[in-house]
Amino acid sequence: MSAVPQSTPLSFDLAAWSQHHLARVEQALSRWVGEGAPAGLGDAMRYAVLDGGKRLRPLLVLAAHEAVGAGQDEAALRAACAVELIHAYSLVHDDMPCMDNDVLRRGKPTVHVRFGEAQALLAGDALQAFAFELLTPDDDGGAVPPAVQATLCRLLARAAGSAGMAGGQAIDLASVGVALTEEQLRHMHRLKTGALLQGSVLMGAVCGRVDAAAYQALSAYGAAMGLAFQVVDDILDVVADSATLGKTAGKDAAADKPTYVSLLGLERAQAYARELLDEAHAALARSGLPDTRALAALADMVVRRSH
């Protein structure tokens, strides 16, 4: 894929910023995931979540929280972990024989290969439920105010359910061997992939102080960046190998699934990813927020990534 011009200020060090925030997320996930789960379920849950993945969704939560200013830091950390649990559960289920039937994820055997199909199904179920448990801590310290809890749960449920990720996955399964229009393909991916990425941005925003105009701009940023992620995924499925991706390359073409590359061609798909990146940066520019460097850098990373 051709290079995308640098769009974020050179003074911003995304690697250092990410390292700091990822350390917090990894520590929290390691502390929380699978604790007390019986009969080996915790091991399967931890295998699905820990030691792998870009953690893009948690980083988007924390970047949006930072962009809108001070707020509930504990809420933002819990939201970051919750959205990663939803993502992890979706991968566990997507990889199973009844869905994509894949054997490789994040460079290691998929959960059903390692633990069996029944345990993988339960691990996904438990991760999904635990995401909402994290957002509703049972304490009197007020770390996550009730109104924030309710908003976070609503945003995550909408992004993950029939109006978001699960609905998009249903369309995807129904579209094997079907010639979709560009609008139909865009709709599918806005739900299947984009909704959870957009939801991550909005969850971070509501943990801080955000007005209606900035919220709408961040929503537009999340929508553009979320779709760009899937366009690039379709490109990498064609141009990268399995070792680089950490998952099976070429599986969409082998399964006769509609993709941006199959519909538009490689060059047009690459150009579309860059157009979406421009849309994301334009949304940040009109947000009126004082520091959106992390969000801008994450959008650049999404489009320039090699895996």
C-alpha atoms as a PDB file:
ATOM      1  CA  MET A   1       0.000   0.000   0.000  1.00  0.00           C
ATOM      2  CA  SER A   2       1.367   3.409  -0.878  1.00  0.00           C
ATOM      3  CA  ALA A   3       2.552   5.641   1.913  1.00  0.00           C
ATOM      4  CA  VAL A   4       0.195   8.114   3.508  1.00  0.00           C
ATOM      5  CA  PRO A   5       1.587  11.582   4.268  1.00  0.00           C
ATOM      6  CA  GLN A   6       2.220  12.357   7.907  1.00  0.00           C
ATOM      7  CA  SER A   7      -0.844  14.138   9.257  1.00  0.00           C
ATOM      8  CA  THR A   8      -0.050  14.531  12.938  1.00  0.00           C
ATOM      9  CA  PRO A   9       2.452  16.968  14.398  1.00  0.00           C
ATOM     10  CA  LEU A  10       5.996  15.623  14.359  1.00  0.00           C
ATOM     11  CA  SER A  11       6.336  16.569  18.027  1.00  0.00           C
ATOM     12  CA  PHE A  12       3.817  13.913  19.043  1.00  0.00           C
ATOM     13  CA  ASP A  13       5.402  10.560  19.918  1.00  0.00           C
ATOM     14  CA  LEU A  14       2.660   7.973  19.388  1.00  0.00           C
ATOM     15  CA  ALA A  15       4.906   5.092  20.422  1.00  0.00           C
ATOM     16  CA  ALA A  16       5.700   6.635  23.794  1.00  0.00           C
ATOM     17  CA  TRP A  17       2.098   7.706  24.345  1.00  0.00           C
ATOM     18  CA  SER A  18       0.810   4.224  23.467  1.00  0.00           C
ATOM     19  CA  GLN A  19       3.384   2.469  25.623  1.00  0.00           C
ATOM     20  CA  HIS A  20       2.291   4.429  28.679  1.00  0.00           C
ATOM     21  CA  HIS A  21      -1.408   3.797  28.191  1.00  0.00           C
ATOM     22  CA  LEU A  22      -1.018   0.186  27.074  1.00  0.00           C
ATOM     23  CA  ALA A  23       0.876  -0.616  30.253  1.00  0.00           C
ATOM     24  CA  ARG A  24      -2.134   0.536  32.274  1.00  0.00           C
ATOM     25  CA  VAL A  25      -4.560  -1.447  30.118  1.00  0.00           C
ATOM     26  CA  GLU A  26      -2.484  -4.633  30.158  1.00  0.00           C
ATOM     27  CA  GLN A  27      -2.044  -4.466  33.923  1.00  0.00           C
ATOM     28  CA  ALA A  28      -5.769  -3.987  34.438  1.00  0.00           C
ATOM     29  CA  LEU A  29      -6.735  -6.783  32.037  1.00  0.00           C
ATOM     30  CA  SER A  30      -4.270  -9.152  33.661  1.00  0.00           C
ATOM     31  CA  ARG A  31      -5.667  -8.291  37.094  1.00  0.00           C
ATOM     32  CA  TRP A  32      -9.339  -8.567  36.148  1.00  0.00           C
ATOM     33  CA  VAL A  33      -9.833 -11.156  33.384  1.00  0.00           C
ATOM     34  CA  GLY A  34     -10.710 -14.683  34.425  1.00  0.00           C
ATOM     35  CA  GLU A  35     -10.397 -14.113  38.148  1.00  0.00           C
ATOM     36  CA  GLY A  36     -12.290 -16.827  40.000  1.00  0.00           C
ATOM     37  CA  ALA A  37     -13.728 -18.433  36.860  1.00  0.00           C
ATOM     38  CA  PRO A  38     -14.240 -22.197  37.408  1.00  0.00           C
ATOM     39  CA  ALA A  39     -13.303 -25.349  35.537  1.00  0.00           C
ATOM     40  CA  GLY A  40     -10.583 -23.865  33.334  1.00  0.00           C
ATOM     41  CA  LEU A  41     -12.846 -21.134  31.975  1.00  0.00           C
ATOM     42  CA  GLY A  42     -10.555 -18.417  33.310  1.00  0.00           C
ATOM     43  CA  ASP A  43      -7.607 -19.896  31.425  1.00  0.00           C
ATOM     44  CA  ALA A  44      -9.527 -19.758  28.140  1.00  0.00           C
ATOM     45  CA  MET A  45     -10.657 -16.193  28.854  1.00  0.00           C
ATOM     46  CA  ARG A  46      -7.122 -15.041  29.615  1.00  0.00           C
ATOM     47  CA  TYR A  47      -5.748 -16.834  26.546  1.00  0.00           C
ATOM     48  CA  ALA A  48      -8.267 -14.965  24.382  1.00  0.00           C
ATOM     49  CA  VAL A  49      -7.457 -11.542  25.805  1.00  0.00           C
ATOM     50  CA  LEU A  50      -3.860 -11.367  27.029  1.00  0.00           C
ATOM     51  CA  ASP A  51      -0.511 -11.363  25.206  1.00  0.00           C
ATOM     52  CA  GLY A  52      -1.581 -10.144  21.804  1.00  0.00           C
ATOM     53  CA  GLY A  53      -3.512  -7.643  19.725  1.00  0.00           C
ATOM     54  CA  LYS A  54      -3.057  -4.012  18.781  1.00  0.00           C
ATOM     55  CA  ARG A  55      -5.351  -2.762  21.577  1.00  0.00           C
ATOM     56  CA  LEU A  56      -6.576  -0.084  19.181  1.00  0.00           C
ATOM     57  CA  ARG A  57      -9.997   0.151  20.786  1.00  0.00           C
ATOM     58  CA  PRO A  58      -8.697   0.798  24.323  1.00  0.00           C
ATOM     59  CA  LEU A  59      -6.272   3.371  22.923  1.00  0.00           C
ATOM     60  CA  LEU A  60      -9.149   5.153  21.188  1.00  0.00           C
ATOM     61  CA  VAL A  61     -11.091   5.285  24.455  1.00  0.00           C
ATOM     62  CA  LEU A  62      -8.130   6.786  26.286  1.00  0.00           C
ATOM     63  CA  ALA A  63      -7.213   9.182  23.469  1.00  0.00           C
ATOM     64  CA  ALA A  64     -10.775  10.529  23.293  1.00  0.00           C
ATOM     65  CA  HIS A  65     -10.892  10.869  27.077  1.00  0.00           C
ATOM     66  CA  GLU A  66      -7.652  12.832  26.942  1.00  0.00           C
ATOM     67  CA  ALA A  67      -8.931  15.024  24.114  1.00  0.00           C
ATOM     68  CA  VAL A  68     -12.055  16.168  25.958  1.00  0.00           C
ATOM     69  CA  GLY A  69     -10.231  17.032  29.160  1.00  0.00           C
ATOM     70  CA  ALA A  70     -10.222  15.826  32.721  1.00  0.00           C
ATOM     71  CA  GLY A  71     -12.936  13.466  33.821  1.00  0.00           C
ATOM     72  CA  GLN A  72     -13.382  10.085  35.455  1.00  0.00           C
ATOM     73  CA  ASP A  73     -10.025   8.388  34.880  1.00  0.00           C
ATOM     74  CA  GLU A  74     -11.161   5.129  36.483  1.00  0.00           C
ATOM     75  CA  ALA A  75     -14.210   5.143  34.214  1.00  0.00           C
ATOM     76  CA  ALA A  76     -12.026   5.608  31.130  1.00  0.00           C
ATOM     77  CA  LEU A  77      -9.732   2.721  32.119  1.00  0.00           C
ATOM     78  CA  ARG A  78     -12.690   0.443  32.751  1.00  0.00           C
ATOM     79  CA  ALA A  79     -14.255   1.493  29.444  1.00  0.00           C
ATOM     80  CA  ALA A  80     -10.979   0.809  27.645  1.00  0.00           C
ATOM     81  CA  CYS A  81     -10.832  -2.696  29.083  1.00  0.00           C
ATOM     82  CA  ALA A  82     -14.534  -3.365  28.511  1.00  0.00           C
ATOM     83  CA  VAL A  83     -14.393  -2.569  24.817  1.00  0.00           C
ATOM     84  CA  GLU A  84     -11.349  -4.822  24.434  1.00  0.00           C
ATOM     85  CA  LEU A  85     -13.251  -7.666  26.093  1.00  0.00           C
ATOM     86  CA  ILE A  86     -16.091  -7.259  23.598  1.00  0.00           C
ATOM     87  CA  HIS A  87     -13.578  -7.272  20.753  1.00  0.00           C
ATOM     88  CA  ALA A  88     -11.842 -10.368  22.137  1.00  0.00           C
ATOM     89  CA  TYR A  89     -15.112 -12.257  22.591  1.00  0.00           C
ATOM     90  CA  SER A  90     -16.102 -11.455  19.015  1.00  0.00           C
ATOM     91  CA  LEU A  91     -12.823 -12.881  17.715  1.00  0.00           C
ATOM     92  CA  VAL A  92     -13.254 -16.079  19.728  1.00  0.00           C
ATOM     93  CA  HIS A  93     -16.692 -16.635  18.245  1.00  0.00           C
ATOM     94  CA  ASP A  94     -15.759 -15.485  14.729  1.00  0.00           C
ATOM     95  CA  ASP A  95     -12.943 -18.035  14.581  1.00  0.00           C
ATOM     96  CA  MET A  96     -15.129 -20.997  15.489  1.00  0.00           C
ATOM     97  CA  PRO A  97     -16.061 -23.663  12.898  1.00  0.00           C
ATOM     98  CA  CYS A  98     -19.663 -22.436  12.682  1.00  0.00           C
ATOM     99  CA  MET A  99     -18.425 -18.988  11.655  1.00  0.00           C
ATOM    100  CA  ASP A 100     -15.072 -18.380   9.904  1.00  0.00           C
ATOM    101  CA  ASN A 101     -13.497 -21.706  10.959  1.00  0.00           C
ATOM    102  CA  ASP A 102     -10.019 -20.243  11.458  1.00  0.00           C
ATOM    103  CA  VAL A 103      -7.077 -21.814  13.263  1.00  0.00           C
ATOM    104  CA  LEU A 104      -4.752 -18.817  13.706  1.00  0.00           C
ATOM    105  CA  ARG A 105      -5.302 -15.583  15.626  1.00  0.00           C
ATOM    106  CA  ARG A 106      -2.685 -13.106  16.895  1.00  0.00           C
ATOM    107  CA  GLY A 107       0.021 -15.500  15.795  1.00  0.00           C
ATOM    108  CA  LYS A 108      -1.163 -18.427  17.917  1.00  0.00           C
ATOM    109  CA  PRO A 109      -3.813 -21.178  17.714  1.00  0.00           C
ATOM    110  CA  THR A 110      -7.359 -19.908  18.053  1.00  0.00           C
ATOM    111  CA  VAL A 111      -9.197 -20.480  21.323  1.00  0.00           C
ATOM    112  CA  HIS A 112     -11.344 -23.354  20.069  1.00  0.00           C
ATOM    113  CA  VAL A 113      -8.243 -25.113  18.734  1.00  0.00           C
ATOM    114  CA  ARG A 114      -6.465 -24.723  22.069  1.00  0.00           C
ATOM    115  CA  PHE A 115      -9.382 -25.338  24.463  1.00  0.00           C
ATOM    116  CA  GLY A 116     -12.136 -27.001  22.412  1.00  0.00           C
ATOM    117  CA  GLU A 117     -15.298 -25.564  20.914  1.00  0.00           C
ATOM    118  CA  ALA A 118     -17.486 -25.699  24.029  1.00  0.00           C
ATOM    119  CA  GLN A 119     -14.948 -23.923  26.217  1.00  0.00           C
ATOM    120  CA  ALA A 120     -14.331 -21.326  23.504  1.00  0.00           C
ATOM    121  CA  LEU A 121     -18.053 -20.620  23.253  1.00  0.00           C
ATOM    122  CA  LEU A 122     -18.292 -20.188  27.021  1.00  0.00           C
ATOM    123  CA  ALA A 123     -15.165 -18.036  27.152  1.00  0.00           C
ATOM    124  CA  GLY A 124     -16.672 -15.669  24.595  1.00  0.00           C
ATOM    125  CA  ASP A 125     -19.939 -15.545  26.505  1.00  0.00           C
ATOM    126  CA  ALA A 126     -18.120 -14.829  29.773  1.00  0.00           C
ATOM    127  CA  LEU A 127     -15.969 -12.079  28.246  1.00  0.00           C
ATOM    128  CA  GLN A 128     -19.044 -10.363  26.831  1.00  0.00           C
ATOM    129  CA  ALA A 129     -20.804 -10.414  30.206  1.00  0.00           C
ATOM    130  CA  PHE A 130     -17.696  -9.317  32.085  1.00  0.00           C
ATOM    131  CA  ALA A 131     -17.352  -6.247  29.876  1.00  0.00           C
ATOM    132  CA  PHE A 132     -20.563  -4.848  31.326  1.00  0.00           C
ATOM    133  CA  GLU A 133     -19.611  -5.941  34.835  1.00  0.00           C
ATOM    134  CA  LEU A 134     -16.475  -3.813  34.518  1.00  0.00           C
ATOM    135  CA  LEU A 135     -18.571  -0.793  33.587  1.00  0.00           C
ATOM    136  CA  THR A 136     -20.767  -1.168  36.657  1.00  0.00           C
ATOM    137  CA  PRO A 137     -18.400  -1.610  39.619  1.00  0.00           C
ATOM    138  CA  ASP A 138     -20.024  -2.610  42.884  1.00  0.00           C
ATOM    139  CA  ASP A 139     -18.506  -0.044  45.216  1.00  0.00           C
ATOM    140  CA  ASP A 140     -19.419   3.079  47.104  1.00  0.00           C
ATOM    141  CA  GLY A 141     -16.380   5.092  46.061  1.00  0.00           C
ATOM    142  CA  GLY A 142     -18.062   6.758  43.112  1.00  0.00           C
ATOM    143  CA  ALA A 143     -15.240   5.812  40.733  1.00  0.00           C
ATOM    144  CA  VAL A 144     -17.801   5.553  37.918  1.00  0.00           C
ATOM    145  CA  PRO A 145     -20.884   7.715  38.590  1.00  0.00           C
ATOM    146  CA  PRO A 146     -24.206   5.952  37.876  1.00  0.00           C
ATOM    147  CA  ALA A 147     -25.083   8.251  34.977  1.00  0.00           C
ATOM    148  CA  VAL A 148     -21.729   7.533  33.334  1.00  0.00           C
ATOM    149  CA  GLN A 149     -22.192   3.794  33.925  1.00  0.00           C
ATOM    150  CA  ALA A 150     -25.548   3.872  32.156  1.00  0.00           C
ATOM    151  CA  THR A 151     -24.218   5.846  29.186  1.00  0.00           C
ATOM    152  CA  LEU A 152     -21.195   3.588  28.787  1.00  0.00           C
ATOM    153  CA  CYS A 153     -23.345   0.458  28.897  1.00  0.00           C
ATOM    154  CA  ARG A 154     -25.739   1.885  26.319  1.00  0.00           C
ATOM    155  CA  LEU A 155     -22.942   2.865  23.942  1.00  0.00           C
ATOM    156  CA  LEU A 156     -21.203  -0.493  24.241  1.00  0.00           C
ATOM    157  CA  ALA A 157     -24.377  -2.536  23.904  1.00  0.00           C
ATOM    158  CA  ARG A 158     -25.421  -0.600  20.797  1.00  0.00           C
ATOM    159  CA  ALA A 159     -21.976  -0.956  19.213  1.00  0.00           C
ATOM    160  CA  ALA A 160     -21.837  -4.690  19.904  1.00  0.00           C
ATOM    161  CA  GLY A 161     -25.400  -5.761  19.199  1.00  0.00           C
ATOM    162  CA  SER A 162     -27.773  -6.107  16.263  1.00  0.00           C
ATOM    163  CA  ALA A 163     -27.386  -2.433  15.366  1.00  0.00           C
ATOM    164  CA  GLY A 164     -23.601  -2.805  15.380  1.00  0.00           C
ATOM    165  CA  MET A 165     -21.049  -5.597  15.338  1.00  0.00           C
ATOM    166  CA  ALA A 166     -23.395  -8.609  15.540  1.00  0.00           C
ATOM    167  CA  GLY A 167     -25.693  -7.167  12.897  1.00  0.00           C
ATOM    168  CA  GLY A 168     -22.758  -6.533  10.586  1.00  0.00           C
ATOM    169  CA  GLN A 169     -21.508 -10.070  11.123  1.00  0.00           C
ATOM    170  CA  ALA A 170     -24.960 -11.410  10.192  1.00  0.00           C
ATOM    171  CA  ILE A 171     -24.868  -9.413   6.962  1.00  0.00           C
ATOM    172  CA  ASP A 172     -21.344 -10.695   6.298  1.00  0.00           C
ATOM    173  CA  LEU A 173     -22.415 -14.334   6.658  1.00  0.00           C
ATOM    174  CA  ALA A 174     -25.427 -13.748   4.427  1.00  0.00           C
ATOM    175  CA  SER A 175     -23.258 -12.092   1.764  1.00  0.00           C
ATOM    176  CA  VAL A 176     -20.918 -14.956   0.919  1.00  0.00           C
ATOM    177  CA  GLY A 177     -20.948 -15.313  -2.861  1.00  0.00           C
ATOM    178  CA  VAL A 178     -23.251 -12.290  -3.220  1.00  0.00           C
ATOM    179  CA  ALA A 179     -22.305  -9.268  -5.310  1.00  0.00           C
ATOM    180  CA  LEU A 180     -22.849  -6.268  -3.023  1.00  0.00           C
ATOM    181  CA  THR A 181     -22.950  -2.663  -4.131  1.00  0.00           C
ATOM    182  CA  GLU A 182     -20.432  -0.262  -2.617  1.00  0.00           C
ATOM    183  CA  GLU A 183     -23.159   1.211  -0.405  1.00  0.00           C
ATOM    184  CA  GLN A 184     -24.186  -2.248   0.840  1.00  0.00           C
ATOM    185  CA  LEU A 185     -20.570  -3.140   1.576  1.00  0.00           C
ATOM    186  CA  ARG A 186     -20.056   0.181   3.391  1.00  0.00           C
ATOM    187  CA  HIS A 187     -23.162  -0.435   5.507  1.00  0.00           C
ATOM    188  CA  MET A 188     -22.003  -3.925   6.448  1.00  0.00           C
ATOM    189  CA  HIS A 189     -18.577  -2.757   7.548  1.00  0.00           C
ATOM    190  CA  ARG A 190     -19.847   0.313   9.405  1.00  0.00           C
ATOM    191  CA  LEU A 191     -21.737  -2.164  11.566  1.00  0.00           C
ATOM    192  CA  LYS A 192     -19.365  -5.130  11.681  1.00  0.00           C
ATOM    193  CA  THR A 193     -16.118  -3.252  12.353  1.00  0.00           C
ATOM    194  CA  GLY A 194     -16.800   0.464  12.461  1.00  0.00           C
ATOM    195  CA  ALA A 195     -19.452   0.531  15.179  1.00  0.00           C
ATOM    196  CA  LEU A 196     -17.162  -0.756  17.926  1.00  0.00           C
ATOM    197  CA  LEU A 197     -14.330   1.556  16.903  1.00  0.00           C
ATOM    198  CA  GLN A 198     -16.677   4.537  16.795  1.00  0.00           C
ATOM    199  CA  GLY A 199     -18.186   3.423  20.089  1.00  0.00           C
ATOM    200  CA  SER A 200     -14.720   3.331  21.649  1.00  0.00           C
ATOM    201  CA  VAL A 201     -14.208   7.003  20.790  1.00  0.00           C
ATOM    202  CA  LEU A 202     -17.604   7.998  22.173  1.00  0.00           C
ATOM    203  CA  MET A 203     -17.122   5.993  25.368  1.00  0.00           C
ATOM    204  CA  GLY A 204     -13.890   7.838  26.010  1.00  0.00           C
ATOM    205  CA  ALA A 205     -15.579  11.150  25.347  1.00  0.00           C
ATOM    206  CA  VAL A 206     -18.406  10.635  27.837  1.00  0.00           C
ATOM    207  CA  CYS A 207     -15.874   9.875  30.584  1.00  0.00           C
ATOM    208  CA  GLY A 208     -14.768  13.517  30.330  1.00  0.00           C
ATOM    209  CA  ARG A 209     -16.286  16.905  29.597  1.00  0.00           C
ATOM    210  CA  VAL A 210     -17.646  17.127  26.070  1.00  0.00           C
ATOM    211  CA  ASP A 211     -20.228  19.434  24.506  1.00  0.00           C
ATOM    212  CA  ALA A 212     -22.664  18.439  21.780  1.00  0.00           C
ATOM    213  CA  ALA A 213     -20.638  19.880  18.886  1.00  0.00           C
ATOM    214  CA  ALA A 214     -17.430  18.150  19.939  1.00  0.00           C
ATOM    215  CA  TYR A 215     -19.321  14.893  20.534  1.00  0.00           C
ATOM    216  CA  GLN A 216     -20.733  14.982  17.006  1.00  0.00           C
ATOM    217  CA  ALA A 217     -17.292  15.712  15.546  1.00  0.00           C
ATOM    218  CA  LEU A 218     -15.792  12.807  17.468  1.00  0.00           C
ATOM    219  CA  SER A 219     -18.615  10.592  16.250  1.00  0.00           C
ATOM    220  CA  ALA A 220     -17.773  11.542  12.643  1.00  0.00           C
ATOM    221  CA  TYR A 221     -14.085  10.914  13.319  1.00  0.00           C
ATOM    222  CA  GLY A 222     -14.894   7.469  14.722  1.00  0.00           C
ATOM    223  CA  ALA A 223     -17.112   6.586  11.778  1.00  0.00           C
ATOM    224  CA  ALA A 224     -14.471   7.537   9.186  1.00  0.00           C
ATOM    225  CA  MET A 225     -11.622   5.912  11.049  1.00  0.00           C
ATOM    226  CA  GLY A 226     -13.648   2.768  11.733  1.00  0.00           C
ATOM    227  CA  LEU A 227     -14.462   2.285   8.065  1.00  0.00           C
ATOM    228  CA  ALA A 228     -10.863   3.019   7.091  1.00  0.00           C
ATOM    229  CA  PHE A 229      -9.739   0.217   9.410  1.00  0.00           C
ATOM    230  CA  GLN A 230     -11.848  -2.305   7.491  1.00  0.00           C
ATOM    231  CA  VAL A 231     -10.762  -1.015   4.082  1.00  0.00           C
ATOM    232  CA  VAL A 232      -7.133  -1.474   5.129  1.00  0.00           C
ATOM    233  CA  ASP A 233      -7.960  -4.928   6.538  1.00  0.00           C
ATOM    234  CA  ASP A 234      -9.327  -5.900   3.113  1.00  0.00           C
ATOM    235  CA  ILE A 235      -6.161  -4.588   1.464  1.00  0.00           C
ATOM    236  CA  LEU A 236      -3.855  -6.425   3.858  1.00  0.00           C
ATOM    237  CA  ASP A 237      -5.780  -9.664   3.331  1.00  0.00           C
ATOM    238  CA  VAL A 238      -4.543  -9.469  -0.266  1.00  0.00           C
ATOM    239  CA  VAL A 239      -1.045  -8.005   0.022  1.00  0.00           C
ATOM    240  CA  ALA A 240       0.277  -9.365   3.348  1.00  0.00           C
ATOM    241  CA  ASP A 241       1.163 -12.888   4.465  1.00  0.00           C
ATOM    242  CA  SER A 242      -0.131 -14.872   7.430  1.00  0.00           C
ATOM    243  CA  ALA A 243       3.052 -14.443   9.464  1.00  0.00           C
ATOM    244  CA  THR A 244       2.818 -10.665   9.192  1.00  0.00           C
ATOM    245  CA  LEU A 245      -0.925 -10.536   9.874  1.00  0.00           C
ATOM    246  CA  GLY A 246      -0.911 -13.032  12.731  1.00  0.00           C
ATOM    247  CA  LYS A 247      -3.993 -14.602  11.153  1.00  0.00           C
ATOM    248  CA  THR A 248      -4.760 -16.487   7.958  1.00  0.00           C
ATOM    249  CA  ALA A 249      -4.148 -14.318   4.896  1.00  0.00           C
ATOM    250  CA  GLY A 250      -6.374 -14.540   1.828  1.00  0.00           C
ATOM    251  CA  LYS A 251      -9.246 -16.159   3.687  1.00  0.00           C
ATOM    252  CA  ASP A 252     -11.847 -13.619   2.496  1.00  0.00           C
ATOM    253  CA  ALA A 253     -11.109 -14.323  -1.149  1.00  0.00           C
ATOM    254  CA  ALA A 254     -11.029 -18.070  -0.486  1.00  0.00           C
ATOM    255  CA  ALA A 255     -14.445 -17.828   1.189  1.00  0.00           C
ATOM    256  CA  ASP A 256     -15.824 -15.700  -1.673  1.00  0.00           C
ATOM    257  CA  LYS A 257     -16.645 -12.841   0.690  1.00  0.00           C
ATOM    258  CA  PRO A 258     -17.212  -9.343  -0.725  1.00  0.00           C
ATOM    259  CA  THR A 259     -14.378  -6.940   0.116  1.00  0.00           C
ATOM    260  CA  TYR A 260     -13.300  -3.467  -0.882  1.00  0.00           C
ATOM    261  CA  VAL A 261     -10.529  -4.934  -3.009  1.00  0.00           C
ATOM    262  CA  SER A 262     -12.845  -7.326  -4.837  1.00  0.00           C
ATOM    263  CA  LEU A 263     -15.356  -4.533  -5.435  1.00  0.00           C
ATOM    264  CA  LEU A 264     -13.113  -1.532  -6.147  1.00  0.00           C
ATOM    265  CA  GLY A 265      -9.753  -3.030  -7.057  1.00  0.00           C
ATOM    266  CA  LEU A 266      -6.559  -2.610  -5.058  1.00  0.00           C
ATOM    267  CA  GLU A 267      -5.590   0.912  -6.148  1.00  0.00           C
ATOM    268  CA  ARG A 268      -9.067   2.364  -5.639  1.00  0.00           C
ATOM    269  CA  ALA A 269      -9.351   0.696  -2.247  1.00  0.00           C
ATOM    270  CA  GLN A 270      -6.017   2.253  -1.218  1.00  0.00           C
ATOM    271  CA  ALA A 271      -7.225   5.654  -2.395  1.00  0.00           C
ATOM    272  CA  TYR A 272     -10.482   5.244  -0.481  1.00  0.00           C
ATOM    273  CA  ALA A 273      -8.568   4.521   2.726  1.00  0.00           C
ATOM    274  CA  ARG A 274      -6.692   7.786   2.293  1.00  0.00           C
ATOM    275  CA  GLU A 275      -9.957   9.673   1.641  1.00  0.00           C
ATOM    276  CA  LEU A 276     -11.400   8.295   4.869  1.00  0.00           C
ATOM    277  CA  LEU A 277      -8.263   9.359   6.719  1.00  0.00           C
ATOM    278  CA  ASP A 278      -8.775  12.892   5.417  1.00  0.00           C
ATOM    279  CA  GLU A 279     -12.372  12.769   6.667  1.00  0.00           C
ATOM    280  CA  ALA A 280     -11.193  11.693  10.119  1.00  0.00           C
ATOM    281  CA  HIS A 281      -8.686  14.557  10.349  1.00  0.00           C
ATOM    282  CA  ALA A 282     -11.285  17.056   9.132  1.00  0.00           C
ATOM    283  CA  ALA A 283     -13.657  15.929  11.874  1.00  0.00           C
ATOM    284  CA  LEU A 284     -10.975  16.430  14.511  1.00  0.00           C
ATOM    285  CA  ALA A 285     -10.234  19.893  13.137  1.00  0.00           C
ATOM    286  CA  ARG A 286     -13.844  21.006  13.582  1.00  0.00           C
ATOM    287  CA  SER A 287     -14.192  19.433  17.039  1.00  0.00           C
ATOM    288  CA  GLY A 288     -12.807  22.542  18.711  1.00  0.00           C
ATOM    289  CA  LEU A 289     -10.897  20.352  21.176  1.00  0.00           C
ATOM    290  CA  PRO A 290      -7.495  21.673  22.233  1.00  0.00           C
ATOM    291  CA  ASP A 291      -5.425  18.499  21.852  1.00  0.00           C
ATOM    292  CA  THR A 292      -6.461  15.746  19.449  1.00  0.00           C
ATOM    293  CA  ARG A 293      -2.936  14.655  18.565  1.00  0.00           C
ATOM    294  CA  ALA A 294      -3.345  11.132  19.905  1.00  0.00           C
ATOM    295  CA  LEU A 295      -6.575  10.598  17.963  1.00  0.00           C
ATOM    296  CA  ALA A 296      -4.979  11.977  14.796  1.00  0.00           C
ATOM    297  CA  ALA A 297      -1.923   9.767  15.204  1.00  0.00           C
ATOM    298  CA  LEU A 298      -4.058   6.684  15.776  1.00  0.00           C
ATOM    299  CA  ALA A 299      -5.989   7.369  12.574  1.00  0.00           C
ATOM    300  CA  ASP A 300      -2.708   7.698  10.670  1.00  0.00           C
ATOM    301  CA  MET A 301      -1.501   4.431  12.182  1.00  0.00           C
ATOM    302  CA  VAL A 302      -4.671   2.618  11.169  1.00  0.00           C
ATOM    303  CA  VAL A 303      -4.222   3.522   7.514  1.00  0.00           C
ATOM    304  CA  ARG A 304      -0.438   3.059   7.361  1.00  0.00           C
ATOM    305  CA  ARG A 305      -0.264  -0.236   9.263  1.00  0.00           C
ATOM    306  CA  SER A 306       1.202  -3.409   7.804  1.00  0.00           C
ATOM    307  CA  HIS A 307      -0.784  -5.868   9.915  1.00  0.00           C
END
